[in-house]
Amino acid sequence: MCVISPNFKNISRQTTTRDVLIYYAKEKDHVKEKLVKAPSLICLTSDNWNSEHTNDEYIFITAHWVDKDSLLYNGVLFQVRCCTHILHLIVKVGLELADDVVGKI
């Protein structure tokens, strides 16, 4: 990297770990504050995703709640879809379409 960018500064594994843990703690506190302030019930959903090519597996939890400003037309058109599940389906179809190309790479 120093050849490509002379201003590049290596960061140690320990520094990266420390920074990621600090960021995680801040975000965790932020999420806790949001959940405490939720004016309604909270619905938790989970899903998992795995990559056939890298054997990486992920599990994620999504929290859904309605805030005081999110209902349009007084809730007449209220329908909640799990955005994570929709994204999962989109990625799955995209990977199926690119499977031949990815397999060759």
C-alpha atoms as a PDB file:
ATOM      1  CA  MET A   1       0.000   0.000   0.000  1.00  0.00           C
ATOM      2  CA  CYS A   2       2.889   2.372   0.652  1.00  0.00           C
ATOM      3  CA  VAL A   3       3.866   2.095  -3.036  1.00  0.00           C
ATOM      4  CA  ILE A   4       0.352   2.955  -4.187  1.00  0.00           C
ATOM      5  CA  SER A   5      -0.233   5.656  -1.573  1.00  0.00           C
ATOM      6  CA  PRO A   6       2.827   7.066   0.199  1.00  0.00           C
ATOM      7  CA  ASN A   7       0.576   8.616   2.856  1.00  0.00           C
ATOM      8  CA  PHE A   8      -0.820   5.221   3.834  1.00  0.00           C
ATOM      9  CA  LYS A   9      -0.322   4.321   7.473  1.00  0.00           C
ATOM     10  CA  ASN A  10      -0.534   0.728   8.628  1.00  0.00           C
ATOM     11  CA  ILE A  11      -2.998   0.103  11.436  1.00  0.00           C
ATOM     12  CA  SER A  12      -2.342  -2.760  13.806  1.00  0.00           C
ATOM     13  CA  ARG A  13      -4.786  -5.559  14.496  1.00  0.00           C
ATOM     14  CA  GLN A  14      -5.044  -4.413  18.106  1.00  0.00           C
ATOM     15  CA  THR A  15      -5.935  -0.862  17.075  1.00  0.00           C
ATOM     16  CA  THR A  16      -8.576  -2.136  14.675  1.00  0.00           C
ATOM     17  CA  THR A  17     -10.040  -4.435  17.333  1.00  0.00           C
ATOM     18  CA  ARG A  18     -10.133  -1.612  19.876  1.00  0.00           C
ATOM     19  CA  ASP A  19     -11.801   0.800  17.439  1.00  0.00           C
ATOM     20  CA  VAL A  20     -14.405  -1.756  16.356  1.00  0.00           C
ATOM     21  CA  LEU A  21     -15.286  -2.573  19.972  1.00  0.00           C
ATOM     22  CA  ILE A  22     -15.625   1.134  20.839  1.00  0.00           C
ATOM     23  CA  TYR A  23     -17.880   1.665  17.821  1.00  0.00           C
ATOM     24  CA  TYR A  24     -19.924  -1.423  18.742  1.00  0.00           C
ATOM     25  CA  ALA A  25     -20.438  -0.166  22.315  1.00  0.00           C
ATOM     26  CA  LYS A  26     -21.621   3.239  21.061  1.00  0.00           C
ATOM     27  CA  GLU A  27     -24.023   1.701  18.561  1.00  0.00           C
ATOM     28  CA  LYS A  28     -25.337  -0.766  21.163  1.00  0.00           C
ATOM     29  CA  ASP A  29     -26.112   2.127  23.514  1.00  0.00           C
ATOM     30  CA  HIS A  30     -27.775   4.025  20.655  1.00  0.00           C
ATOM     31  CA  VAL A  31     -30.004   1.029  19.837  1.00  0.00           C
ATOM     32  CA  LYS A  32     -30.929   0.605  23.512  1.00  0.00           C
ATOM     33  CA  GLU A  33     -31.989   4.261  23.692  1.00  0.00           C
ATOM     34  CA  LYS A  34     -34.143   3.871  20.568  1.00  0.00           C
ATOM     35  CA  LEU A  35     -35.820   0.721  21.881  1.00  0.00           C
ATOM     36  CA  VAL A  36     -36.561   2.295  25.278  1.00  0.00           C
ATOM     37  CA  LYS A  37     -38.221   5.257  23.546  1.00  0.00           C
ATOM     38  CA  ALA A  38     -40.337   3.071  21.228  1.00  0.00           C
ATOM     39  CA  PRO A  39     -43.974   4.102  21.823  1.00  0.00           C
ATOM     40  CA  SER A  40     -45.400   0.709  20.889  1.00  0.00           C
ATOM     41  CA  LEU A  41     -44.655  -2.985  21.069  1.00  0.00           C
ATOM     42  CA  ILE A  42     -41.486  -4.239  19.431  1.00  0.00           C
ATOM     43  CA  CYS A  43     -41.548  -7.201  17.063  1.00  0.00           C
ATOM     44  CA  LEU A  44     -38.282  -9.112  16.655  1.00  0.00           C
ATOM     45  CA  THR A  45     -37.635 -11.270  13.605  1.00  0.00           C
ATOM     46  CA  SER A  46     -34.568 -13.265  12.710  1.00  0.00           C
ATOM     47  CA  ASP A  47     -33.222 -14.723   9.529  1.00  0.00           C
ATOM     48  CA  ASN A  48     -30.032 -16.331   8.371  1.00  0.00           C
ATOM     49  CA  TRP A  49     -28.058 -16.175   5.176  1.00  0.00           C
ATOM     50  CA  ASN A  50     -25.137 -18.160   3.931  1.00  0.00           C
ATOM     51  CA  SER A  51     -22.889 -17.841   0.948  1.00  0.00           C
ATOM     52  CA  GLU A  52     -22.401 -20.984  -1.064  1.00  0.00           C
ATOM     53  CA  HIS A  53     -19.113 -19.688  -2.452  1.00  0.00           C
ATOM     54  CA  THR A  54     -17.342 -18.638   0.737  1.00  0.00           C
ATOM     55  CA  ASN A  55     -19.190 -20.793   3.301  1.00  0.00           C
ATOM     56  CA  ASP A  56     -19.779 -17.677   5.424  1.00  0.00           C
ATOM     57  CA  GLU A  57     -22.965 -17.777   7.481  1.00  0.00           C
ATOM     58  CA  TYR A  58     -24.803 -14.843   8.982  1.00  0.00           C
ATOM     59  CA  ILE A  59     -27.734 -14.551  11.380  1.00  0.00           C
ATOM     60  CA  PHE A  60     -29.406 -11.258  11.962  1.00  0.00           C
ATOM     61  CA  ILE A  61     -32.191  -9.895  14.129  1.00  0.00           C
ATOM     62  CA  THR A  62     -34.473  -7.112  12.987  1.00  0.00           C
ATOM     63  CA  ALA A  63     -36.646  -5.051  15.330  1.00  0.00           C
ATOM     64  CA  HIS A  64     -39.849  -3.509  13.980  1.00  0.00           C
ATOM     65  CA  TRP A  65     -41.936  -0.912  15.740  1.00  0.00           C
ATOM     66  CA  VAL A  66     -44.179   1.946  14.760  1.00  0.00           C
ATOM     67  CA  ASP A  67     -43.178   5.420  15.839  1.00  0.00           C
ATOM     68  CA  LYS A  68     -45.649   8.253  16.346  1.00  0.00           C
ATOM     69  CA  ASP A  69     -44.989   9.771  12.875  1.00  0.00           C
ATOM     70  CA  SER A  70     -44.845   6.666  10.596  1.00  0.00           C
ATOM     71  CA  LEU A  71     -48.542   5.944   9.808  1.00  0.00           C
ATOM     72  CA  LEU A  72     -49.781   7.471   6.563  1.00  0.00           C
ATOM     73  CA  TYR A  73     -53.508   7.944   5.955  1.00  0.00           C
ATOM     74  CA  ASN A  74     -54.224   7.112   9.627  1.00  0.00           C
ATOM     75  CA  GLY A  75     -52.942   3.560   9.140  1.00  0.00           C
ATOM     76  CA  VAL A  76     -55.390   2.600   6.360  1.00  0.00           C
ATOM     77  CA  LEU A  77     -52.520   1.432   4.126  1.00  0.00           C
ATOM     78  CA  PHE A  78     -50.499  -0.044   6.992  1.00  0.00           C
ATOM     79  CA  GLN A  79     -48.600  -3.144   5.979  1.00  0.00           C
ATOM     80  CA  VAL A  80     -45.166  -4.041   7.326  1.00  0.00           C
ATOM     81  CA  ARG A  81     -42.767  -6.171   5.353  1.00  0.00           C
ATOM     82  CA  CYS A  82     -39.490  -7.325   6.781  1.00  0.00           C
ATOM     83  CA  CYS A  83     -36.983  -5.323   4.750  1.00  0.00           C
ATOM     84  CA  THR A  84     -34.250  -7.763   5.683  1.00  0.00           C
ATOM     85  CA  HIS A  85     -36.228 -10.686   4.294  1.00  0.00           C
ATOM     86  CA  ILE A  86     -36.938  -8.784   1.084  1.00  0.00           C
ATOM     87  CA  LEU A  87     -33.232  -7.921   0.763  1.00  0.00           C
ATOM     88  CA  HIS A  88     -32.378 -11.585   1.403  1.00  0.00           C
ATOM     89  CA  LEU A  89     -34.699 -12.655  -1.447  1.00  0.00           C
ATOM     90  CA  ILE A  90     -33.210 -10.056  -3.800  1.00  0.00           C
ATOM     91  CA  VAL A  91     -29.640 -11.159  -3.029  1.00  0.00           C
ATOM     92  CA  LYS A  92     -30.605 -14.823  -3.388  1.00  0.00           C
ATOM     93  CA  VAL A  93     -32.095 -14.261  -6.860  1.00  0.00           C
ATOM     94  CA  GLY A  94     -29.118 -12.108  -7.860  1.00  0.00           C
ATOM     95  CA  LEU A  95     -26.666 -14.797  -6.788  1.00  0.00           C
ATOM     96  CA  GLU A  96     -28.645 -17.442  -8.665  1.00  0.00           C
ATOM     97  CA  LEU A  97     -28.446 -15.314 -11.825  1.00  0.00           C
ATOM     98  CA  ALA A  98     -24.707 -14.789 -11.401  1.00  0.00           C
ATOM     99  CA  ASP A  99     -23.963 -18.332 -10.227  1.00  0.00           C
ATOM    100  CA  ASP A 100     -22.256 -19.406 -13.467  1.00  0.00           C
ATOM    101  CA  VAL A 101     -20.020 -16.354 -13.513  1.00  0.00           C
ATOM    102  CA  VAL A 102     -19.171 -16.522  -9.796  1.00  0.00           C
ATOM    103  CA  GLY A 103     -18.432 -20.233 -10.093  1.00  0.00           C
ATOM    104  CA  LYS A 104     -15.921 -19.551 -12.872  1.00  0.00           C
ATOM    105  CA  ILE A 105     -14.171 -16.875 -10.828  1.00  0.00           C
END
